[in-house]
Amino acid sequence: MDNIIPMKQSTFFNDVYEVVKLIPKGRVTSYGAIAKYLGATKSSRMVGYAMNAAHALPDVPAQRVVNRNGMLTGKFHFATPTRMQALLVQDGVEVKNDQVVKFKALFWDPSIELQIG
């Protein structure tokens, strides 16, 4: 057992966290938009796994990542089922029936917002 090397956190997860930290307060993005930005278009589920693991990281605003329809699908991975919504409301995002109101207007697309040039 002494020769077991602890596994380091995935670089992909860290890349996801760096993108999520850039989402402005009052805006939201989707798992798929982050995956696309990172060049892993079919990895939105992996972005979701990263978000599920992010709740212990206080500097990662995981509440700002929702599904492609603006639904709070990750809400059960927060301390309580209402915590994700409460954090979004604190951010100035209106939520009704577990869905971001005016989702398209609040959508932050990293592929557009983080363009170089």
N, C-alpha and C. Protein backbone atom coordinates (compact mmCIF):
# COMPACT_ATOMS: atom_id res chain seq x y z
N MET A 1 0.80 -1.20 0.00
CA MET A 1 0.00 0.00 0.00
C MET A 1 0.85 1.27 0.00
N ASP A 2 2.07 1.20 0.48
CA ASP A 2 2.93 2.37 0.55
C ASP A 2 3.30 2.92 -0.81
N ASN A 3 3.27 2.07 -1.83
CA ASN A 3 3.70 2.52 -3.16
C ASN A 3 2.56 3.04 -4.03
N ILE A 4 1.39 3.25 -3.46
CA ILE A 4 0.26 3.79 -4.22
C ILE A 4 0.42 5.30 -4.36
N ILE A 5 0.35 5.77 -5.58
CA ILE A 5 0.47 7.20 -5.86
C ILE A 5 -0.94 7.76 -6.00
N PRO A 6 -1.28 8.80 -5.23
CA PRO A 6 -2.63 9.37 -5.35
C PRO A 6 -2.85 9.96 -6.74
N MET A 7 -4.03 9.73 -7.28
CA MET A 7 -4.36 10.24 -8.61
C MET A 7 -4.57 11.74 -8.54
N LYS A 8 -3.97 12.47 -9.47
CA LYS A 8 -4.16 13.92 -9.50
C LYS A 8 -5.49 14.23 -10.18
N GLN A 9 -6.06 15.36 -9.80
CA GLN A 9 -7.33 15.77 -10.38
C GLN A 9 -7.16 15.97 -11.88
N SER A 10 -8.14 15.57 -12.62
CA SER A 10 -8.13 15.65 -14.07
C SER A 10 -7.82 17.06 -14.57
N THR A 11 -6.97 17.15 -15.56
CA THR A 11 -6.67 18.43 -16.20
C THR A 11 -7.94 18.97 -16.84
N PHE A 12 -8.77 18.08 -17.41
CA PHE A 12 -10.03 18.51 -18.01
C PHE A 12 -10.90 19.20 -16.97
N PHE A 13 -11.02 18.61 -15.79
CA PHE A 13 -11.81 19.23 -14.72
C PHE A 13 -11.26 20.61 -14.39
N ASN A 14 -9.96 20.72 -14.27
CA ASN A 14 -9.34 22.01 -13.96
C ASN A 14 -9.62 23.03 -15.06
N ASP A 15 -9.58 22.60 -16.32
CA ASP A 15 -9.91 23.49 -17.44
C ASP A 15 -11.35 23.96 -17.33
N VAL A 16 -12.25 23.05 -16.99
CA VAL A 16 -13.67 23.40 -16.80
C VAL A 16 -13.78 24.46 -15.71
N TYR A 17 -13.11 24.24 -14.58
CA TYR A 17 -13.20 25.18 -13.46
C TYR A 17 -12.69 26.56 -13.85
N GLU A 18 -11.63 26.61 -14.65
CA GLU A 18 -11.09 27.91 -15.07
C GLU A 18 -12.10 28.67 -15.93
N VAL A 19 -12.83 27.96 -16.79
CA VAL A 19 -13.86 28.60 -17.61
C VAL A 19 -15.01 29.07 -16.72
N VAL A 20 -15.45 28.23 -15.81
CA VAL A 20 -16.58 28.57 -14.93
C VAL A 20 -16.26 29.81 -14.09
N LYS A 21 -15.04 29.95 -13.67
CA LYS A 21 -14.64 31.12 -12.87
C LYS A 21 -14.78 32.42 -13.66
N LEU A 22 -14.83 32.33 -14.98
CA LEU A 22 -14.93 33.51 -15.84
C LEU A 22 -16.37 33.92 -16.14
N ILE A 23 -17.34 33.08 -15.78
CA ILE A 23 -18.75 33.41 -16.04
C ILE A 23 -19.12 34.60 -15.16
N PRO A 24 -19.54 35.69 -15.77
CA PRO A 24 -19.88 36.88 -14.97
C PRO A 24 -21.12 36.65 -14.10
N LYS A 25 -21.14 37.33 -12.97
CA LYS A 25 -22.31 37.31 -12.09
C LYS A 25 -23.51 37.79 -12.90
N GLY A 26 -24.63 37.09 -12.75
CA GLY A 26 -25.85 37.46 -13.47
C GLY A 26 -25.98 36.78 -14.82
N ARG A 27 -25.02 35.93 -15.17
CA ARG A 27 -25.04 35.20 -16.44
C ARG A 27 -24.95 33.71 -16.15
N VAL A 28 -25.33 32.90 -17.12
CA VAL A 28 -25.25 31.44 -17.00
C VAL A 28 -24.75 30.86 -18.31
N THR A 29 -24.25 29.65 -18.23
CA THR A 29 -23.84 28.94 -19.44
C THR A 29 -24.28 27.49 -19.30
N SER A 30 -23.99 26.69 -20.31
CA SER A 30 -24.40 25.29 -20.28
C SER A 30 -23.18 24.37 -20.27
N TYR A 31 -23.45 23.13 -19.89
CA TYR A 31 -22.40 22.11 -19.89
C TYR A 31 -21.83 21.97 -21.30
N GLY A 32 -22.72 21.94 -22.29
CA GLY A 32 -22.31 21.76 -23.68
C GLY A 32 -21.48 22.92 -24.21
N ALA A 33 -21.82 24.14 -23.81
CA ALA A 33 -21.07 25.30 -24.27
C ALA A 33 -19.64 25.27 -23.73
N ILE A 34 -19.48 24.82 -22.50
CA ILE A 34 -18.14 24.70 -21.93
C ILE A 34 -17.36 23.61 -22.65
N ALA A 35 -18.01 22.47 -22.87
CA ALA A 35 -17.35 21.36 -23.57
C ALA A 35 -16.90 21.80 -24.97
N LYS A 36 -17.77 22.48 -25.68
CA LYS A 36 -17.44 22.96 -27.02
C LYS A 36 -16.24 23.90 -26.97
N TYR A 37 -16.25 24.83 -26.04
CA TYR A 37 -15.15 25.78 -25.90
C TYR A 37 -13.82 25.08 -25.64
N LEU A 38 -13.87 24.01 -24.86
CA LEU A 38 -12.66 23.27 -24.53
C LEU A 38 -12.24 22.28 -25.63
N GLY A 39 -12.98 22.28 -26.74
CA GLY A 39 -12.63 21.41 -27.85
C GLY A 39 -13.06 19.97 -27.65
N ALA A 40 -14.02 19.76 -26.78
CA ALA A 40 -14.50 18.41 -26.46
C ALA A 40 -16.01 18.40 -26.60
N THR A 41 -16.49 18.71 -27.79
CA THR A 41 -17.91 18.92 -28.06
C THR A 41 -18.82 17.84 -27.47
N LYS A 42 -18.40 16.60 -27.50
CA LYS A 42 -19.26 15.51 -27.02
C LYS A 42 -19.04 15.18 -25.54
N SER A 43 -18.43 16.10 -24.82
CA SER A 43 -18.09 15.84 -23.42
C SER A 43 -18.89 16.67 -22.42
N SER A 44 -20.10 17.06 -22.79
CA SER A 44 -20.90 17.85 -21.85
C SER A 44 -21.18 17.08 -20.57
N ARG A 45 -21.31 15.77 -20.66
CA ARG A 45 -21.53 14.96 -19.46
C ARG A 45 -20.30 15.03 -18.54
N MET A 46 -19.12 15.06 -19.12
CA MET A 46 -17.89 15.18 -18.32
C MET A 46 -17.84 16.55 -17.62
N VAL A 47 -18.33 17.58 -18.30
CA VAL A 47 -18.42 18.90 -17.68
C VAL A 47 -19.35 18.81 -16.47
N GLY A 48 -20.44 18.08 -16.63
CA GLY A 48 -21.37 17.86 -15.52
C GLY A 48 -20.69 17.16 -14.35
N TYR A 49 -19.89 16.16 -14.64
CA TYR A 49 -19.16 15.47 -13.57
C TYR A 49 -18.21 16.44 -12.87
N ALA A 50 -17.56 17.29 -13.64
CA ALA A 50 -16.67 18.29 -13.05
C ALA A 50 -17.46 19.22 -12.13
N MET A 51 -18.64 19.63 -12.57
CA MET A 51 -19.47 20.52 -11.75
C MET A 51 -19.91 19.82 -10.47
N ASN A 52 -20.23 18.53 -10.57
CA ASN A 52 -20.63 17.77 -9.38
C ASN A 52 -19.51 17.74 -8.35
N ALA A 53 -18.27 17.73 -8.83
CA ALA A 53 -17.12 17.69 -7.94
C ALA A 53 -16.68 19.08 -7.49
N ALA A 54 -17.26 20.13 -8.05
CA ALA A 54 -16.79 21.50 -7.81
C ALA A 54 -17.35 22.13 -6.54
N HIS A 55 -18.32 21.52 -5.93
CA HIS A 55 -19.00 22.16 -4.81
C HIS A 55 -18.13 22.33 -3.58
N ALA A 56 -17.02 21.63 -3.54
CA ALA A 56 -16.08 21.80 -2.43
C ALA A 56 -15.09 22.92 -2.73
N LEU A 57 -15.18 23.49 -3.92
CA LEU A 57 -14.27 24.56 -4.33
C LEU A 57 -15.02 25.89 -4.27
N PRO A 58 -14.80 26.68 -3.25
CA PRO A 58 -15.58 27.90 -3.06
C PRO A 58 -15.40 28.96 -4.15
N ASP A 59 -14.32 28.89 -4.91
CA ASP A 59 -14.09 29.91 -5.93
C ASP A 59 -14.65 29.52 -7.30
N VAL A 60 -15.35 28.38 -7.38
CA VAL A 60 -15.96 27.94 -8.63
C VAL A 60 -17.48 28.12 -8.52
N PRO A 61 -18.05 29.10 -9.23
CA PRO A 61 -19.50 29.35 -9.14
C PRO A 61 -20.31 28.34 -9.95
N ALA A 62 -20.37 27.12 -9.45
CA ALA A 62 -21.03 26.02 -10.16
C ALA A 62 -22.49 26.28 -10.45
N GLN A 63 -23.13 27.14 -9.67
CA GLN A 63 -24.55 27.44 -9.89
C GLN A 63 -24.79 28.09 -11.25
N ARG A 64 -23.77 28.64 -11.87
CA ARG A 64 -23.92 29.35 -13.14
C ARG A 64 -23.88 28.43 -14.35
N VAL A 65 -23.81 27.11 -14.10
CA VAL A 65 -23.79 26.14 -15.20
C VAL A 65 -25.07 25.31 -15.13
N VAL A 66 -25.85 25.39 -16.19
CA VAL A 66 -27.15 24.72 -16.27
C VAL A 66 -27.20 23.89 -17.55
N ASN A 67 -28.31 23.19 -17.78
CA ASN A 67 -28.38 22.42 -19.01
C ASN A 67 -28.72 23.32 -20.20
N ARG A 68 -28.77 22.75 -21.38
CA ARG A 68 -28.94 23.54 -22.62
C ARG A 68 -30.28 24.25 -22.71
N ASN A 69 -31.21 23.90 -21.83
CA ASN A 69 -32.52 24.56 -21.80
C ASN A 69 -32.66 25.51 -20.63
N GLY A 70 -31.58 25.68 -19.87
CA GLY A 70 -31.63 26.56 -18.72
C GLY A 70 -32.17 25.91 -17.45
N MET A 71 -32.29 24.60 -17.46
CA MET A 71 -32.80 23.88 -16.30
C MET A 71 -31.69 23.65 -15.27
N LEU A 72 -32.06 23.71 -14.00
CA LEU A 72 -31.12 23.51 -12.91
C LEU A 72 -30.94 22.02 -12.63
N THR A 73 -30.39 21.31 -13.60
CA THR A 73 -30.26 19.86 -13.48
C THR A 73 -29.22 19.44 -12.45
N GLY A 74 -28.31 20.34 -12.07
CA GLY A 74 -27.30 20.01 -11.09
C GLY A 74 -27.68 20.33 -9.66
N LYS A 75 -28.91 20.74 -9.44
CA LYS A 75 -29.32 21.24 -8.12
C LYS A 75 -29.18 20.21 -6.99
N PHE A 76 -29.25 18.94 -7.29
CA PHE A 76 -29.17 17.93 -6.24
C PHE A 76 -27.74 17.67 -5.78
N HIS A 77 -26.78 18.29 -6.44
CA HIS A 77 -25.39 18.14 -6.04
C HIS A 77 -24.93 19.27 -5.12
N PHE A 78 -25.85 20.16 -4.80
CA PHE A 78 -25.57 21.22 -3.83
C PHE A 78 -25.97 20.75 -2.44
N ALA A 79 -25.62 21.50 -1.43
CA ALA A 79 -25.90 21.10 -0.05
C ALA A 79 -27.38 20.81 0.19
N THR A 80 -28.26 21.60 -0.44
CA THR A 80 -29.70 21.36 -0.37
C THR A 80 -30.25 21.50 -1.79
N PRO A 81 -31.42 20.94 -2.07
CA PRO A 81 -31.99 21.04 -3.42
C PRO A 81 -32.34 22.47 -3.85
N THR A 82 -32.40 23.40 -2.89
CA THR A 82 -32.74 24.79 -3.24
C THR A 82 -31.52 25.72 -3.25
N ARG A 83 -30.36 25.20 -2.89
CA ARG A 83 -29.15 26.03 -2.78
C ARG A 83 -28.71 26.61 -4.13
N MET A 84 -28.79 25.83 -5.20
CA MET A 84 -28.37 26.31 -6.52
C MET A 84 -29.22 27.51 -6.93
N GLN A 85 -30.52 27.39 -6.75
CA GLN A 85 -31.43 28.49 -7.08
C GLN A 85 -31.13 29.71 -6.22
N ALA A 86 -30.92 29.49 -4.93
CA ALA A 86 -30.64 30.61 -4.02
C ALA A 86 -29.38 31.36 -4.45
N LEU A 87 -28.35 30.63 -4.86
CA LEU A 87 -27.11 31.26 -5.31
C LEU A 87 -27.33 32.03 -6.62
N LEU A 88 -28.13 31.48 -7.51
CA LEU A 88 -28.43 32.18 -8.76
C LEU A 88 -29.21 33.46 -8.48
N VAL A 89 -30.18 33.39 -7.59
CA VAL A 89 -30.95 34.58 -7.23
C VAL A 89 -30.02 35.64 -6.63
N GLN A 90 -29.08 35.21 -5.79
CA GLN A 90 -28.08 36.14 -5.25
C GLN A 90 -27.28 36.80 -6.38
N ASP A 91 -27.06 36.05 -7.45
CA ASP A 91 -26.33 36.56 -8.62
C ASP A 91 -27.19 37.51 -9.46
N GLY A 92 -28.48 37.57 -9.16
CA GLY A 92 -29.38 38.41 -9.94
C GLY A 92 -30.08 37.67 -11.06
N VAL A 93 -30.08 36.35 -11.01
CA VAL A 93 -30.70 35.52 -12.04
C VAL A 93 -32.05 35.03 -11.51
N GLU A 94 -33.11 35.31 -12.25
CA GLU A 94 -34.44 34.85 -11.85
C GLU A 94 -34.62 33.40 -12.27
N VAL A 95 -35.18 32.61 -11.36
CA VAL A 95 -35.43 31.19 -11.61
C VAL A 95 -36.87 30.89 -11.27
N LYS A 96 -37.53 30.16 -12.16
CA LYS A 96 -38.92 29.76 -11.92
C LYS A 96 -39.07 28.30 -12.34
N ASN A 97 -39.63 27.49 -11.45
CA ASN A 97 -39.83 26.06 -11.72
C ASN A 97 -38.53 25.39 -12.16
N ASP A 98 -37.45 25.68 -11.44
CA ASP A 98 -36.12 25.09 -11.70
C ASP A 98 -35.57 25.43 -13.08
N GLN A 99 -35.97 26.56 -13.64
CA GLN A 99 -35.47 26.98 -14.94
C GLN A 99 -35.12 28.47 -14.91
N VAL A 100 -34.01 28.81 -15.55
CA VAL A 100 -33.57 30.20 -15.62
C VAL A 100 -34.55 30.97 -16.50
N VAL A 101 -35.11 32.04 -15.96
CA VAL A 101 -36.00 32.92 -16.71
C VAL A 101 -35.12 33.78 -17.63
N LYS A 102 -35.56 33.95 -18.86
CA LYS A 102 -34.79 34.71 -19.86
C LYS A 102 -33.42 34.08 -20.11
N PHE A 103 -33.42 32.76 -20.19
CA PHE A 103 -32.18 32.00 -20.36
C PHE A 103 -31.37 32.48 -21.56
N LYS A 104 -32.01 32.63 -22.70
CA LYS A 104 -31.27 33.05 -23.91
C LYS A 104 -30.62 34.41 -23.74
N ALA A 105 -31.28 35.32 -23.06
CA ALA A 105 -30.72 36.66 -22.85
C ALA A 105 -29.55 36.64 -21.86
N LEU A 106 -29.57 35.70 -20.93
CA LEU A 106 -28.52 35.62 -19.91
C LEU A 106 -27.40 34.65 -20.29
N PHE A 107 -27.59 33.95 -21.40
CA PHE A 107 -26.63 32.91 -21.79
C PHE A 107 -25.27 33.50 -22.12
N TRP A 108 -24.24 32.95 -21.51
CA TRP A 108 -22.86 33.36 -21.71
C TRP A 108 -22.15 32.24 -22.46
N ASP A 109 -21.78 32.51 -23.69
CA ASP A 109 -21.14 31.49 -24.52
C ASP A 109 -19.63 31.72 -24.51
N PRO A 110 -18.87 30.85 -23.87
CA PRO A 110 -17.43 31.06 -23.79
C PRO A 110 -16.75 31.11 -25.15
N SER A 111 -17.30 30.42 -26.14
CA SER A 111 -16.70 30.44 -27.48
C SER A 111 -16.77 31.83 -28.12
N ILE A 112 -17.75 32.61 -27.69
CA ILE A 112 -17.89 33.99 -28.19
C ILE A 112 -17.24 34.97 -27.22
N GLU A 113 -17.56 34.83 -25.95
CA GLU A 113 -17.09 35.78 -24.94
C GLU A 113 -15.59 35.73 -24.70
N LEU A 114 -14.97 34.58 -24.92
CA LEU A 114 -13.55 34.44 -24.65
C LEU A 114 -12.70 34.39 -25.92
N GLN A 115 -13.23 34.92 -27.01
CA GLN A 115 -12.46 34.96 -28.25
C GLN A 115 -11.22 35.83 -28.08
N ILE A 116 -10.16 35.39 -28.66
CA ILE A 116 -8.91 36.15 -28.63
C ILE A 116 -8.90 37.09 -29.82
N GLY A 117 -8.53 38.32 -29.59
CA GLY A 117 -8.39 39.21 -30.73
C GLY A 117 -9.24 40.38 -30.62
